N, C-alpha and C. Protein backbone atom coordinates (compact mmCIF):
# COMPACT_ATOMS: atom_id res chain seq x y z
N MET A 1 156.72 -168.75 58.87
CA MET A 1 156.58 -169.65 58.42
C MET A 1 156.92 -170.34 57.11
N GLU A 2 157.20 -168.70 56.41
CA GLU A 2 156.79 -168.92 54.98
C GLU A 2 158.22 -168.78 54.51
N LEU A 3 159.32 -169.32 55.14
CA LEU A 3 160.31 -169.25 54.89
C LEU A 3 160.52 -170.70 54.20
N GLY A 4 160.03 -171.52 56.15
CA GLY A 4 159.95 -173.01 55.34
C GLY A 4 158.62 -173.62 54.43
N TYR A 5 157.90 -172.62 54.38
CA TYR A 5 157.53 -173.01 52.63
C TYR A 5 158.39 -171.98 51.85
N TYR A 6 159.35 -172.21 51.77
CA TYR A 6 160.33 -171.67 50.38
C TYR A 6 160.95 -173.42 50.25
N TYR A 7 161.45 -172.95 52.03
CA TYR A 7 162.23 -174.55 51.20
C TYR A 7 161.59 -175.93 50.88
N LEU A 8 160.40 -175.88 51.48
CA LEU A 8 159.77 -176.58 51.17
C LEU A 8 159.49 -176.64 49.42
N ARG A 9 159.13 -176.33 49.19
CA ARG A 9 159.18 -176.05 48.00
C ARG A 9 159.98 -176.06 46.87
N THR A 10 160.96 -175.90 47.34
CA THR A 10 162.48 -175.86 47.07
C THR A 10 163.60 -177.27 46.67
N GLY A 11 162.97 -177.70 48.17
CA GLY A 11 163.34 -179.42 48.15
C GLY A 11 164.72 -179.17 49.26
N LYS A 12 165.04 -178.25 49.51
CA LYS A 12 165.31 -178.32 50.81
C LYS A 12 165.36 -178.29 52.69
N MET A 13 165.08 -179.21 52.51
CA MET A 13 163.75 -180.25 53.19
C MET A 13 164.74 -179.54 55.26
N ASP A 14 165.82 -179.87 55.30
CA ASP A 14 166.84 -179.76 56.28
C ASP A 14 166.26 -178.68 57.03
N ASN A 15 166.41 -177.65 55.67
CA ASN A 15 166.19 -176.29 56.26
C ASN A 15 164.48 -175.96 55.75
N ALA A 16 163.70 -176.89 55.69
CA ALA A 16 162.21 -175.80 56.26
C ALA A 16 161.96 -177.63 57.23
N ILE A 17 162.80 -178.12 57.40
CA ILE A 17 162.15 -178.97 58.98
C ILE A 17 162.90 -177.55 60.80
N GLU A 18 163.87 -177.39 60.23
CA GLU A 18 164.36 -176.38 60.84
C GLU A 18 163.55 -174.82 61.10
N ALA A 19 163.04 -174.55 59.76
CA ALA A 19 161.89 -173.03 59.45
C ALA A 19 160.19 -173.34 60.36
N TYR A 20 160.72 -174.48 59.90
CA TYR A 20 158.99 -174.61 61.05
C TYR A 20 159.13 -175.50 62.15
N ARG A 21 160.27 -176.09 61.95
CA ARG A 21 160.36 -175.44 64.64
C ARG A 21 160.21 -174.72 65.63
N GLU A 22 161.34 -173.69 64.29
CA GLU A 22 161.41 -172.17 65.09
C GLU A 22 160.53 -171.72 65.27
N ALA A 23 158.61 -171.33 64.35
CA ALA A 23 157.41 -170.96 63.49
C ALA A 23 157.04 -171.42 64.62
N ALA A 24 156.90 -173.13 64.53
CA ALA A 24 156.09 -173.41 65.60
C ALA A 24 156.10 -173.37 67.68
N LYS A 25 157.49 -173.34 68.07
CA LYS A 25 158.58 -172.01 69.13
C LYS A 25 156.95 -170.86 69.40
N LEU A 26 157.53 -170.02 67.67
CA LEU A 26 156.46 -168.91 68.08
C LEU A 26 155.16 -168.58 67.58
N SER A 27 154.50 -169.68 67.42
CA SER A 27 153.06 -169.34 67.39
C SER A 27 152.10 -170.99 67.31
N ALA A 28 152.74 -171.28 68.58
CA ALA A 28 151.95 -172.22 70.06
C ALA A 28 150.45 -172.89 69.09
N ASP A 29 149.57 -171.96 69.04
CA ASP A 29 148.48 -172.20 68.56
C ASP A 29 147.79 -171.33 66.70
N ASN A 30 149.08 -171.79 66.14
CA ASN A 30 148.55 -171.95 64.75
C ASN A 30 149.18 -173.38 64.42
N PRO A 31 148.30 -174.34 64.67
CA PRO A 31 148.88 -176.04 63.38
C PRO A 31 149.50 -175.52 62.28
N ARG A 32 150.13 -174.94 62.02
CA ARG A 32 150.52 -175.36 60.56
C ARG A 32 151.27 -175.57 60.55
N PRO A 33 152.18 -174.97 61.25
CA PRO A 33 154.03 -175.21 61.62
C PRO A 33 153.78 -176.36 61.09
N ILE A 34 153.52 -177.14 62.03
CA ILE A 34 153.20 -178.84 62.14
C ILE A 34 153.13 -179.34 61.50
N THR A 35 152.11 -179.22 61.03
CA THR A 35 151.55 -180.25 60.09
C THR A 35 152.85 -179.87 58.61
N ASN A 36 153.18 -178.65 58.55
CA ASN A 36 153.96 -178.33 57.02
C ASN A 36 155.96 -179.22 58.37
N LEU A 37 155.94 -178.82 59.10
CA LEU A 37 157.20 -179.91 60.02
C LEU A 37 156.46 -181.36 59.58
N GLY A 38 155.28 -182.36 59.87
CA GLY A 38 155.28 -183.10 59.49
C GLY A 38 155.46 -183.61 57.46
N VAL A 39 155.15 -182.59 57.08
CA VAL A 39 154.46 -182.82 55.91
C VAL A 39 156.26 -183.06 54.90
N ALA A 40 157.59 -181.87 56.06
CA ALA A 40 159.00 -182.47 55.33
C ALA A 40 159.93 -182.89 56.03
N LEU A 41 158.60 -183.36 56.79
CA LEU A 41 159.68 -184.62 58.08
C LEU A 41 158.93 -186.28 56.58
N ARG A 42 158.09 -186.31 56.71
CA ARG A 42 157.69 -187.10 56.00
C ARG A 42 158.33 -187.32 54.58
N ARG A 43 158.65 -186.23 53.49
CA ARG A 43 159.02 -186.83 52.94
C ARG A 43 161.16 -186.42 52.84
N LEU A 44 161.30 -186.71 54.05
CA LEU A 44 162.80 -187.55 53.96
C LEU A 44 162.97 -188.58 55.10
N GLY A 45 161.77 -188.92 54.65
CA GLY A 45 161.97 -190.88 55.29
C GLY A 45 161.18 -190.43 56.52
N LYS A 46 161.51 -189.21 57.52
CA LYS A 46 160.79 -189.34 58.92
C LYS A 46 159.33 -189.65 58.92
N THR A 47 158.44 -190.96 58.69
CA THR A 47 157.26 -190.80 58.79
C THR A 47 156.73 -190.83 59.66
N LYS A 48 157.99 -192.15 60.90
CA LYS A 48 157.75 -192.33 62.53
C LYS A 48 157.77 -191.16 63.39
N GLU A 49 158.51 -190.07 63.06
CA GLU A 49 158.97 -188.81 64.05
C GLU A 49 157.50 -188.02 63.79
N ALA A 50 157.20 -187.92 61.93
CA ALA A 50 155.92 -186.89 62.16
C ALA A 50 155.12 -187.34 62.19
N ILE A 51 154.44 -188.42 62.22
CA ILE A 51 153.79 -189.36 63.42
C ILE A 51 153.33 -188.77 64.68
N ALA A 52 154.73 -189.20 64.57
CA ALA A 52 154.46 -188.16 66.38
C ALA A 52 154.12 -187.25 66.67
N LEU A 53 154.90 -186.57 65.82
CA LEU A 53 154.56 -184.92 66.12
C LEU A 53 152.29 -184.80 66.62
N ASN A 54 152.03 -185.39 65.98
CA ASN A 54 150.16 -185.37 66.23
C ASN A 54 149.74 -186.50 65.94
N PRO A 55 149.78 -187.74 67.29
CA PRO A 55 150.31 -188.93 66.67
C PRO A 55 147.65 -189.06 66.11
N SER A 56 146.62 -188.62 65.80
CA SER A 56 145.70 -188.07 66.46
C SER A 56 145.50 -187.93 65.18
N ALA A 57 146.02 -187.06 63.80
CA ALA A 57 146.19 -186.99 62.22
C ALA A 57 146.49 -188.08 61.57
N TYR A 58 145.26 -188.67 61.01
CA TYR A 58 145.42 -191.04 60.19
C TYR A 58 145.67 -190.56 58.99
N TYR A 59 146.09 -189.29 58.23
CA TYR A 59 146.86 -189.00 57.21
C TYR A 59 148.74 -189.32 56.58
N ALA A 60 148.33 -189.50 58.06
CA ALA A 60 150.40 -189.23 58.86
C ALA A 60 149.95 -190.81 58.27
N TRP A 61 149.67 -190.92 58.94
CA TRP A 61 148.83 -192.73 59.83
C TRP A 61 149.09 -193.41 57.53
N GLU A 62 147.83 -193.09 57.23
CA GLU A 62 147.93 -193.31 55.95
C GLU A 62 149.39 -192.98 54.89
N ASN A 63 149.66 -192.05 55.64
CA ASN A 63 151.25 -191.98 55.13
C ASN A 63 152.41 -193.34 54.90
N LEU A 64 152.59 -194.06 56.46
CA LEU A 64 153.09 -194.84 56.97
C LEU A 64 152.50 -196.05 55.72
N ALA A 65 151.44 -196.20 56.08
CA ALA A 65 151.30 -197.55 55.77
C ALA A 65 151.02 -197.28 54.21
N SER A 66 150.98 -196.06 53.20
CA SER A 66 152.11 -196.54 52.62
C SER A 66 153.24 -197.14 51.42
N SER A 67 154.18 -196.42 51.92
CA SER A 67 155.27 -196.60 52.82
C SER A 67 156.03 -197.48 53.46
N LEU A 68 155.57 -197.98 53.67
CA LEU A 68 155.41 -199.75 54.26
C LEU A 68 154.92 -200.79 53.65
N ALA A 69 153.85 -200.43 52.46
CA ALA A 69 153.62 -201.19 51.55
C ALA A 69 154.87 -202.00 50.93
N HIS A 70 155.48 -200.98 50.18
CA HIS A 70 156.08 -200.90 49.22
C HIS A 70 158.07 -201.71 49.62
N ILE A 71 157.82 -202.52 50.91
CA ILE A 71 158.39 -203.09 51.58
C ILE A 71 158.87 -204.15 51.92
N PRO A 72 159.12 -204.86 51.02
CA PRO A 72 159.29 -207.25 51.33
C PRO A 72 159.11 -206.58 53.39
N GLY A 73 158.86 -207.60 53.58
CA GLY A 73 158.31 -207.84 54.91
C GLY A 73 157.79 -207.43 55.82
N ARG A 74 157.17 -205.70 55.66
CA ARG A 74 156.66 -204.80 56.13
C ARG A 74 155.52 -205.47 55.94
N GLU A 75 155.23 -206.24 55.75
CA GLU A 75 153.35 -205.87 54.88
C GLU A 75 152.52 -206.20 55.87
N GLN A 76 152.95 -206.35 57.21
CA GLN A 76 151.65 -206.84 58.41
C GLN A 76 152.47 -203.88 58.97
N GLU A 77 153.39 -204.21 58.87
CA GLU A 77 153.20 -203.44 59.99
C GLU A 77 152.61 -202.55 59.01
N GLY A 78 152.83 -202.71 57.60
CA GLY A 78 151.68 -201.53 57.07
C GLY A 78 150.04 -201.97 57.01
N LYS A 79 150.01 -202.48 56.88
CA LYS A 79 148.51 -203.48 56.97
C LYS A 79 147.88 -202.96 58.39
N ALA A 80 148.51 -202.48 59.32
CA ALA A 80 148.18 -202.06 61.21
C ALA A 80 148.09 -200.99 61.28
N ALA A 81 149.46 -200.11 60.04
CA ALA A 81 149.34 -198.66 60.01
C ALA A 81 148.48 -198.29 59.21
N ARG A 82 147.68 -198.84 57.93
CA ARG A 82 146.35 -198.52 58.08
C ARG A 82 144.67 -198.52 58.61
N GLU A 83 144.39 -199.69 59.11
CA GLU A 83 143.79 -199.88 60.25
C GLU A 83 143.90 -198.41 61.53
N LYS A 84 144.87 -198.47 61.34
CA LYS A 84 145.29 -197.35 62.85
C LYS A 84 144.77 -195.72 61.32
N ALA A 85 144.70 -195.81 60.13
CA ALA A 85 143.99 -194.51 59.60
C ALA A 85 142.53 -194.21 59.34
N ILE A 86 142.55 -195.56 59.07
CA ILE A 86 141.23 -195.58 58.69
C ILE A 86 139.85 -195.47 59.88
N ALA A 87 140.10 -196.01 61.23
CA ALA A 87 139.83 -195.44 62.93
C ALA A 87 139.70 -194.05 62.71
N LEU A 88 141.22 -194.07 63.32
CA LEU A 88 141.71 -192.19 63.44
C LEU A 88 139.76 -190.82 62.14
N GLY A 89 140.11 -192.10 60.90
CA GLY A 89 139.16 -191.08 59.86
C GLY A 89 138.19 -190.89 60.23
N GLU A 90 137.95 -192.45 60.50
CA GLU A 90 135.66 -192.43 61.18
C GLU A 90 135.80 -191.31 62.33
N GLU A 91 136.67 -190.82 63.26
CA GLU A 91 136.85 -190.74 65.04
C GLU A 91 136.59 -189.41 64.16
N LEU A 92 137.69 -188.90 63.10
CA LEU A 92 137.32 -187.41 62.49
C LEU A 92 136.09 -187.01 61.94
N ARG A 93 135.46 -188.24 61.12
CA ARG A 93 133.82 -188.11 60.23
C ARG A 93 132.64 -188.18 61.74
N ASN A 94 133.36 -188.84 62.65
CA ASN A 94 132.13 -188.41 64.12
C ASN A 94 131.84 -187.66 64.40
N LEU A 95 133.62 -187.17 65.17
CA LEU A 95 133.52 -185.85 65.92
C LEU A 95 133.35 -184.13 64.82
N LEU A 96 133.17 -184.25 62.74
CA LEU A 96 132.61 -183.43 62.45
C LEU A 96 131.41 -183.39 62.18
N ARG A 97 130.53 -184.60 62.35
CA ARG A 97 129.35 -184.47 61.92
C ARG A 97 128.12 -184.23 63.38
N THR A 98 129.17 -184.47 64.30
CA THR A 98 128.37 -184.40 66.20
C THR A 98 128.19 -182.46 66.50
N GLU A 99 129.59 -181.79 65.64
CA GLU A 99 129.27 -180.64 65.74
C GLU A 99 128.92 -179.47 65.24
N ARG A 100 128.58 -180.74 63.29
CA ARG A 100 127.65 -179.97 62.86
C ARG A 100 125.64 -179.63 63.51
N ARG A 101 125.48 -180.96 63.92
CA ARG A 101 124.52 -181.41 65.11
C ARG A 101 124.04 -180.05 66.03
N PHE A 102 124.99 -180.68 66.58
CA PHE A 102 125.66 -179.13 67.56
C PHE A 102 124.64 -177.56 66.91
N GLY A 103 125.68 -177.50 66.01
CA GLY A 103 125.49 -175.79 65.43
C GLY A 103 124.64 -175.63 65.04
N GLN A 104 123.18 -177.23 64.48
CA GLN A 104 121.32 -176.30 63.83
C GLN A 104 120.86 -176.79 64.75
N GLU A 105 122.24 -176.68 65.29
CA GLU A 105 120.15 -177.12 67.01
C GLU A 105 120.95 -175.59 68.04
N LEU A 106 122.03 -175.43 67.40
CA LEU A 106 122.15 -173.56 68.21
C LEU A 106 121.51 -172.22 67.44
N ALA A 107 121.53 -173.00 65.74
CA ALA A 107 120.77 -171.79 64.84
C ALA A 107 119.57 -171.71 65.62
N ALA A 108 119.02 -173.53 65.71
CA ALA A 108 117.18 -173.83 66.05
C ALA A 108 117.04 -172.60 67.11
N THR A 109 117.63 -172.49 67.55
CA THR A 109 117.34 -171.95 69.21
C THR A 109 116.92 -170.15 69.45
């Protein structure tokens, strides 16, 4: 994974993608290689491929929305992607609130 980070930092996105794909295979329980793979893909303009890695990642949809906002004729697609990002972000906030309440209830018992 450190090799992928090196390539990411130095702008060698194709190498970073290859390194992160390998790291993801080797440590399937660690989400970081997939997250960083998504970053490398996005930097190459492959935002939809990055979203496919984790379709519930609100930030990936937000990146897509931001990209589409600058392409004439794709404004509606960008608006739909932004709405998806907002909905996923709200789901995440609700989940975190529920986990926090559950943790507080466990601590109180």
